[in-house]
PDB file of N, CA and C in Angstrom:
ATOM      1  N   UNK A   1     123.313 -96.262-159.097  1.00  0.00           N
ATOM      2  CA  UNK A   1     122.699 -97.014-159.017  1.00  0.00           C
ATOM      3  C   UNK A   1     121.976 -97.495-160.543  1.00  0.00           C
ATOM      4  N   UNK A   2     122.132 -96.490-161.292  1.00  0.00           N
ATOM      5  CA  UNK A   2     121.975 -96.671-162.738  1.00  0.00           C
ATOM      6  C   UNK A   2     122.553 -97.874-163.410  1.00  0.00           C
ATOM      7  N   UNK A   3     123.919 -97.956-162.905  1.00  0.00           N
ATOM      8  CA  UNK A   3     124.989 -99.014-163.361  1.00  0.00           C
ATOM      9  C   UNK A   3     124.544-100.358-162.950  1.00  0.00           C
ATOM     10  N   UNK A   4     123.732-100.540-161.640  1.00  0.00           N
ATOM     11  CA  UNK A   4     123.720-101.427-161.327  1.00  0.00           C
ATOM     12  C   UNK A   4     122.390-101.806-161.747  1.00  0.00           C
ATOM     13  N   UNK A   5     121.599-101.263-162.034  1.00  0.00           N
ATOM     14  CA  UNK A   5     120.311-101.804-163.234  1.00  0.00           C
ATOM     15  C   UNK A   5     120.586-102.318-164.268  1.00  0.00           C
ATOM     16  N   UNK A   6     121.793-101.316-165.091  1.00  0.00           N
ATOM     17  CA  UNK A   6     121.727-101.978-166.252  1.00  0.00           C
ATOM     18  C   UNK A   6     122.996-103.292-166.054  1.00  0.00           C
ATOM     19  N   UNK A   7     123.585-103.608-165.280  1.00  0.00           N
ATOM     20  CA  UNK A   7     124.175-104.890-164.636  1.00  0.00           C
ATOM     21  C   UNK A   7     122.949-105.863-164.932  1.00  0.00           C
ATOM     22  N   UNK A   8     122.084-105.554-164.286  1.00  0.00           N
ATOM     23  CA  UNK A   8     120.994-106.501-163.538  1.00  0.00           C
ATOM     24  C   UNK A   8     120.129-106.762-164.943  1.00  0.00           C
ATOM     25  N   UNK A   9     120.194-106.017-166.278  1.00  0.00           N
ATOM     26  CA  UNK A   9     119.305-106.039-167.108  1.00  0.00           C
ATOM     27  C   UNK A   9     119.942-106.867-167.935  1.00  0.00           C
ATOM     28  N   UNK A  10     121.672-106.592-168.446  1.00  0.00           N
ATOM     29  CA  UNK A  10     122.097-107.627-168.915  1.00  0.00           C
ATOM     30  C   UNK A  10     121.934-108.975-168.164  1.00  0.00           C
ATOM     31  N   UNK A  11     122.414-109.508-167.013  1.00  0.00           N
ATOM     32  CA  UNK A  11     122.374-110.473-166.596  1.00  0.00           C
ATOM     33  C   UNK A  11     121.095-111.636-166.790  1.00  0.00           C
ATOM     34  N   UNK A  12     119.731-110.592-166.950  1.00  0.00           N
ATOM     35  CA  UNK A  12     118.891-111.368-166.952  1.00  0.00           C
ATOM     36  C   UNK A  12     118.494-111.293-168.318  1.00  0.00           C
ATOM     37  N   UNK A  13     119.390-110.895-169.446  1.00  0.00           N
ATOM     38  CA  UNK A  13     118.825-111.030-170.988  1.00  0.00           C
ATOM     39  C   UNK A  13     119.795-112.132-171.371  1.00  0.00           C
ATOM     40  N   UNK A  14     121.081-112.000-170.587  1.00  0.00           N
ATOM     41  CA  UNK A  14     121.806-113.755-171.251  1.00  0.00           C
ATOM     42  C   UNK A  14     121.069-114.679-170.422  1.00  0.00           C
ATOM     43  N   UNK A  15     120.835-114.654-169.205  1.00  0.00           N
ATOM     44  CA  UNK A  15     119.790-115.753-168.642  1.00  0.00           C
ATOM     45  C   UNK A  15     118.455-115.924-169.253  1.00  0.00           C
ATOM     46  N   UNK A  16     118.017-115.423-169.729  1.00  0.00           N
ATOM     47  CA  UNK A  16     116.402-115.483-171.051  1.00  0.00           C
ATOM     48  C   UNK A  16     117.071-116.171-172.143  1.00  0.00           C
ATOM     49  N   UNK A  17     118.137-115.718-172.705  1.00  0.00           N
ATOM     50  CA  UNK A  17     118.314-115.984-173.971  1.00  0.00           C
ATOM     51  C   UNK A  17     118.662-117.584-173.869  1.00  0.00           C
ATOM     52  N   UNK A  18     119.901-117.833-172.685  1.00  0.00           N
ATOM     53  CA  UNK A  18     120.433-119.048-172.517  1.00  0.00           C
ATOM     54  C   UNK A  18     119.516-120.221-172.186  1.00  0.00           C
ATOM     55  N   UNK A  19     118.438-120.072-171.290  1.00  0.00           N
ATOM     56  CA  UNK A  19     117.375-120.724-171.269  1.00  0.00           C
ATOM     57  C   UNK A  19     116.274-120.834-172.125  1.00  0.00           C
ATOM     58  N   UNK A  20     116.089-120.159-173.130  1.00  0.00           N
ATOM     59  CA  UNK A  20     115.398-120.223-174.305  1.00  0.00           C
ATOM     60  C   UNK A  20     116.134-120.868-175.272  1.00  0.00           C
ATOM     61  N   UNK A  21     117.407-120.797-175.269  1.00  0.00           N
ATOM     62  CA  UNK A  21     117.984-121.615-176.253  1.00  0.00           C
ATOM     63  C   UNK A  21     118.196-123.217-175.569  1.00  0.00           C
ATOM     64  N   UNK A  22     118.374-123.216-174.499  1.00  0.00           N
ATOM     65  CA  UNK A  22     118.321-124.784-174.165  1.00  0.00           C
ATOM     66  C   UNK A  22     116.640-125.534-174.252  1.00  0.00           C
ATOM     67  N   UNK A  23     115.679-124.585-174.359  1.00  0.00           N
ATOM     68  CA  UNK A  23     114.609-125.423-174.616  1.00  0.00           C
ATOM     69  C   UNK A  23     114.157-125.835-175.916  1.00  0.00           C
ATOM     70  N   UNK A  24     115.491-125.265-176.821  1.00  0.00           N
ATOM     71  CA  UNK A  24     114.895-126.070-177.896  1.00  0.00           C
ATOM     72  C   UNK A  24     114.678-127.729-178.337  1.00  0.00           C
ATOM     73  N   UNK A  25     113.427-127.338-179.150  1.00  0.00           N
ATOM     74  CA  UNK A  25     113.000-129.159-178.807  1.00  0.00           C
ATOM     75  C   UNK A  25     113.968-130.042-179.770  1.00  0.00           C
ATOM     76  N   UNK A  26     115.022-129.705-180.729  1.00  0.00           N
ATOM     77  CA  UNK A  26     116.127-130.512-180.823  1.00  0.00           C
ATOM     78  C   UNK A  26     117.539-130.543-180.398  1.00  0.00           C
ATOM     79  N   UNK A  27     117.392-130.579-179.090  1.00  0.00           N
ATOM     80  CA  UNK A  27     118.850-131.009-178.779  1.00  0.00           C
ATOM     81  C   UNK A  27     119.353-130.220-177.889  1.00  0.00           C
ATOM     82  N   UNK A  28     118.539-128.750-177.504  1.00  0.00           N
ATOM     83  CA  UNK A  28     119.501-127.927-176.534  1.00  0.00           C
ATOM     84  C   UNK A  28     120.139-127.057-177.286  1.00  0.00           C
ATOM     85  N   UNK A  29     121.146-126.596-176.429  1.00  0.00           N
ATOM     86  CA  UNK A  29     122.141-125.598-176.837  1.00  0.00           C
ATOM     87  C   UNK A  29     123.094-125.947-178.026  1.00  0.00           C
ATOM     88  N   UNK A  30     123.744-127.002-178.156  1.00  0.00           N
ATOM     89  CA  UNK A  30     124.583-127.483-179.104  1.00  0.00           C
ATOM     90  C   UNK A  30     123.652-127.315-180.655  1.00  0.00           C
ATOM     91  N   UNK A  31     122.735-127.946-180.567  1.00  0.00           N
ATOM     92  CA  UNK A  31     121.789-127.182-181.726  1.00  0.00           C
ATOM     93  C   UNK A  31     121.655-125.780-182.359  1.00  0.00           C
ATOM     94  N   UNK A  32     121.213-125.245-181.019  1.00  0.00           N
ATOM     95  CA  UNK A  32     120.603-124.145-181.119  1.00  0.00           C
ATOM     96  C   UNK A  32     121.797-122.764-181.458  1.00  0.00           C
ATOM     97  N   UNK A  33     123.142-123.501-181.252  1.00  0.00           N
ATOM     98  CA  UNK A  33     124.379-122.781-181.634  1.00  0.00           C
ATOM     99  C   UNK A  33     125.202-123.510-182.849  1.00  0.00           C
ATOM    100  N   UNK A  34     124.776-124.364-183.654  1.00  0.00           N
ATOM    101  CA  UNK A  34     125.345-124.778-184.606  1.00  0.00           C
ATOM    102  C   UNK A  34     126.045-126.324-184.618  1.00  0.00           C
ATOM    103  N   UNK A  35     126.048-126.793-183.482  1.00  0.00           N
ATOM    104  CA  UNK A  35     126.735-127.726-183.280  1.00  0.00           C
ATOM    105  C   UNK A  35     125.735-129.193-183.449  1.00  0.00           C
ATOM    106  N   UNK A  36     126.268-130.091-182.918  1.00  0.00           N
ATOM    107  CA  UNK A  36     125.796-131.556-183.289  1.00  0.00           C
ATOM    108  C   UNK A  36     125.297-131.882-182.303  1.00  0.00           C
ATOM    109  N   UNK A  37     124.019-132.426-182.669  1.00  0.00           N
ATOM    110  CA  UNK A  37     122.843-133.071-181.516  1.00  0.00           C
ATOM    111  C   UNK A  37     123.452-134.568-180.619  1.00  0.00           C
ATOM    112  N   UNK A  38     122.923-134.540-179.775  1.00  0.00           N
ATOM    113  CA  UNK A  38     123.017-135.689-179.388  1.00  0.00           C
ATOM    114  C   UNK A  38     122.369-136.959-179.697  1.00  0.00           C
ATOM    115  N   UNK A  39     122.586-138.110-179.230  1.00  0.00           N
ATOM    116  CA  UNK A  39     121.771-139.094-179.847  1.00  0.00           C
ATOM    117  C   UNK A  39     120.847-139.164-179.358  1.00  0.00           C
ATOM    118  N   UNK A  40     120.074-138.628-177.584  1.00  0.00           N
ATOM    119  CA  UNK A  40     119.198-139.008-177.314  1.00  0.00           C
ATOM    120  C   UNK A  40     118.265-137.645-177.738  1.00  0.00           C
ATOM    121  N   UNK A  41     117.918-137.228-178.855  1.00  0.00           N
ATOM    122  CA  UNK A  41     117.661-135.605-179.130  1.00  0.00           C
ATOM    123  C   UNK A  41     115.975-135.689-178.951  1.00  0.00           C
ATOM    124  N   UNK A  42     115.393-136.217-178.608  1.00  0.00           N
ATOM    125  CA  UNK A  42     114.186-136.569-178.419  1.00  0.00           C
ATOM    126  C   UNK A  42     113.553-136.751-177.169  1.00  0.00           C
ATOM    127  N   UNK A  43     114.541-137.257-175.812  1.00  0.00           N
ATOM    128  CA  UNK A  43     114.166-137.545-174.753  1.00  0.00           C
ATOM    129  C   UNK A  43     113.365-136.751-173.704  1.00  0.00           C
ATOM    130  N   UNK A  44     112.474-137.129-172.903  1.00  0.00           N
ATOM    131  CA  UNK A  44     111.483-136.100-171.952  1.00  0.00           C
ATOM    132  C   UNK A  44     112.353-136.040-170.895  1.00  0.00           C
ATOM    133  N   UNK A  45     112.766-134.619-170.605  1.00  0.00           N
ATOM    134  CA  UNK A  45     113.220-134.379-169.188  1.00  0.00           C
ATOM    135  C   UNK A  45     112.194-133.534-168.653  1.00  0.00           C
ATOM    136  N   UNK A  46     110.909-133.820-167.894  1.00  0.00           N
ATOM    137  CA  UNK A  46     110.047-133.026-167.583  1.00  0.00           C
ATOM    138  C   UNK A  46     110.526-131.674-166.375  1.00  0.00           C
ATOM    139  N   UNK A  47     111.612-132.556-165.494  1.00  0.00           N
ATOM    140  CA  UNK A  47     111.945-131.457-164.561  1.00  0.00           C
ATOM    141  C   UNK A  47     112.765-130.384-164.787  1.00  0.00           C
ATOM    142  N   UNK A  48     113.545-131.126-165.481  1.00  0.00           N
ATOM    143  CA  UNK A  48     114.582-129.564-166.352  1.00  0.00           C
ATOM    144  C   UNK A  48     113.922-128.782-167.042  1.00  0.00           C
ATOM    145  N   UNK A  49     112.924-129.126-167.936  1.00  0.00           N
ATOM    146  CA  UNK A  49     111.694-128.480-168.789  1.00  0.00           C
ATOM    147  C   UNK A  49     111.240-127.471-167.847  1.00  0.00           C
ATOM    148  N   UNK A  50     110.709-127.900-166.615  1.00  0.00           N
ATOM    149  CA  UNK A  50     109.953-126.944-165.851  1.00  0.00           C
ATOM    150  C   UNK A  50     110.767-126.133-165.458  1.00  0.00           C
ATOM    151  N   UNK A  51     111.871-126.326-164.804  1.00  0.00           N
ATOM    152  CA  UNK A  51     112.972-125.466-164.239  1.00  0.00           C
ATOM    153  C   UNK A  51     113.386-124.468-165.421  1.00  0.00           C
ATOM    154  N   UNK A  52     113.568-125.135-166.410  1.00  0.00           N
ATOM    155  CA  UNK A  52     114.144-124.003-167.679  1.00  0.00           C
ATOM    156  C   UNK A  52     112.667-122.772-167.992  1.00  0.00           C
ATOM    157  N   UNK A  53     111.351-123.357-167.979  1.00  0.00           N
ATOM    158  CA  UNK A  53     110.665-122.602-168.167  1.00  0.00           C
ATOM    159  C   UNK A  53     110.136-121.207-167.132  1.00  0.00           C
ATOM    160  N   UNK A  54     110.279-121.828-166.043  1.00  0.00           N
ATOM    161  CA  UNK A  54     110.531-120.972-165.005  1.00  0.00           C
ATOM    162  C   UNK A  54     111.557-119.901-164.540  1.00  0.00           C
ATOM    163  N   UNK A  55     112.644-120.439-165.260  1.00  0.00           N
ATOM    164  CA  UNK A  55     113.930-119.446-164.981  1.00  0.00           C
ATOM    165  C   UNK A  55     113.793-118.403-166.395  1.00  0.00           C
ATOM    166  N   UNK A  56     113.069-118.818-167.548  1.00  0.00           N
ATOM    167  CA  UNK A  56     112.752-118.018-168.501  1.00  0.00           C
ATOM    168  C   UNK A  56     112.392-116.984-167.862  1.00  0.00           C
ATOM    169  N   UNK A  57     110.856-117.139-167.543  1.00  0.00           N
ATOM    170  CA  UNK A  57     109.821-116.367-166.695  1.00  0.00           C
ATOM    171  C   UNK A  57     110.235-115.318-166.146  1.00  0.00           C
ATOM    172  N   UNK A  58     110.923-115.890-165.210  1.00  0.00           N
ATOM    173  CA  UNK A  58     111.554-115.132-163.780  1.00  0.00           C
ATOM    174  C   UNK A  58     112.437-114.112-164.356  1.00  0.00           C
ATOM    175  N   UNK A  59     113.508-114.487-165.572  1.00  0.00           N
ATOM    176  CA  UNK A  59     114.563-113.456-165.876  1.00  0.00           C
ATOM    177  C   UNK A  59     113.610-112.838-166.676  1.00  0.00           C
ATOM    178  N   UNK A  60     112.936-113.036-167.682  1.00  0.00           N
ATOM    179  CA  UNK A  60     111.969-112.274-168.399  1.00  0.00           C
ATOM    180  C   UNK A  60     111.278-111.073-167.626  1.00  0.00           C
ATOM    181  N   UNK A  61     110.923-111.452-166.256  1.00  0.00           N
ATOM    182  CA  UNK A  61     110.085-110.369-165.751  1.00  0.00           C
ATOM    183  C   UNK A  61     110.908-109.265-165.201  1.00  0.00           C
ATOM    184  N   UNK A  62     112.346-109.808-164.765  1.00  0.00           N
ATOM    185  CA  UNK A  62     113.250-108.948-164.034  1.00  0.00           C
ATOM    186  C   UNK A  62     113.768-108.101-165.106  1.00  0.00           C
ATOM    187  N   UNK A  63     114.132-108.510-166.351  1.00  0.00           N
ATOM    188  CA  UNK A  63     114.649-107.680-167.569  1.00  0.00           C
ATOM    189  C   UNK A  63     113.407-106.672-168.138  1.00  0.00           C
ATOM    190  N   UNK A  64     112.287-107.192-168.175  1.00  0.00           N
ATOM    191  CA  UNK A  64     111.321-106.214-168.488  1.00  0.00           C
ATOM    192  C   UNK A  64     111.061-104.934-167.200  1.00  0.00           C
ATOM    193  N   UNK A  65     111.160-105.202-165.891  1.00  0.00           N
ATOM    194  CA  UNK A  65     111.137-104.378-164.910  1.00  0.00           C
ATOM    195  C   UNK A  65     112.355-103.091-165.118  1.00  0.00           C
ATOM    196  N   UNK A  66     113.109-103.873-165.500  1.00  0.00           N
ATOM    197  CA  UNK A  66     114.699-103.165-165.383  1.00  0.00           C
ATOM    198  C   UNK A  66     114.245-102.168-166.608  1.00  0.00           C
ATOM    199  N   UNK A  67     114.241-102.673-167.568  1.00  0.00           N
ATOM    200  CA  UNK A  67     113.676-102.016-168.970  1.00  0.00           C
ATOM    201  C   UNK A  67     112.701-100.799-168.792  1.00  0.00           C
ATOM    202  N   UNK A  68     111.509-101.226-167.765  1.00  0.00           N
ATOM    203  CA  UNK A  68     110.398-100.027-167.711  1.00  0.00           C
ATOM    204  C   UNK A  68     111.161 -99.362-166.690  1.00  0.00           C
ATOM    205  N   UNK A  69     112.081 -99.417-165.593  1.00  0.00           N
ATOM    206  CA  UNK A  69     112.276 -98.599-164.659  1.00  0.00           C
ATOM    207  C   UNK A  69     113.663 -97.653-165.090  1.00  0.00           C
ATOM    208  N   UNK A  70     114.542 -98.254-166.011  1.00  0.00           N
ATOM    209  CA  UNK A  70     115.567 -97.468-166.330  1.00  0.00           C
ATOM    210  C   UNK A  70     115.370 -96.102-166.654  1.00  0.00           C
ATOM    211  N   UNK A  71     114.713 -95.717-167.494  1.00  0.00           N
ATOM    212  CA  UNK A  71     114.580 -94.139-167.696  1.00  0.00           C
ATOM    213  C   UNK A  71     114.196 -93.035-166.364  1.00  0.00           C
ATOM    214  N   UNK A  72     113.369 -94.169-165.528  1.00  0.00           N
ATOM    215  CA  UNK A  72     113.415 -93.240-164.214  1.00  0.00           C
ATOM    216  C   UNK A  72     114.250 -93.049-163.281  1.00  0.00           C
ATOM    217  N   UNK A  73     114.854 -93.577-163.351  1.00  0.00           N
ATOM    218  CA  UNK A  73     116.429 -93.623-162.204  1.00  0.00           C
ATOM    219  C   UNK A  73     117.595 -92.965-162.846  1.00  0.00           C
ATOM    220  N   UNK A  74     118.260 -92.122-162.177  1.00  0.00           N
ATOM    221  CA  UNK A  74     119.181 -91.170-162.500  1.00  0.00           C
ATOM    222  C   UNK A  74     120.198 -91.810-161.735  1.00  0.00           C
TER     223      UNK A  74
END
């Protein structure tokens, strides 16, 4: 059971970090990792932005719940 919680915690952490990097205001993941940005770096993608915020929030909640529950699981 503990290994399942640890795996879930790692997956939630990676998803959270990726979604936060994609929400970068200057071009997304390429710029966040040191790459070159696209030509349309200030374009508005409201549905994608909303989806990324929901994904980041959900993965943060899962990460925090697993982090709090981990010491109590044998």
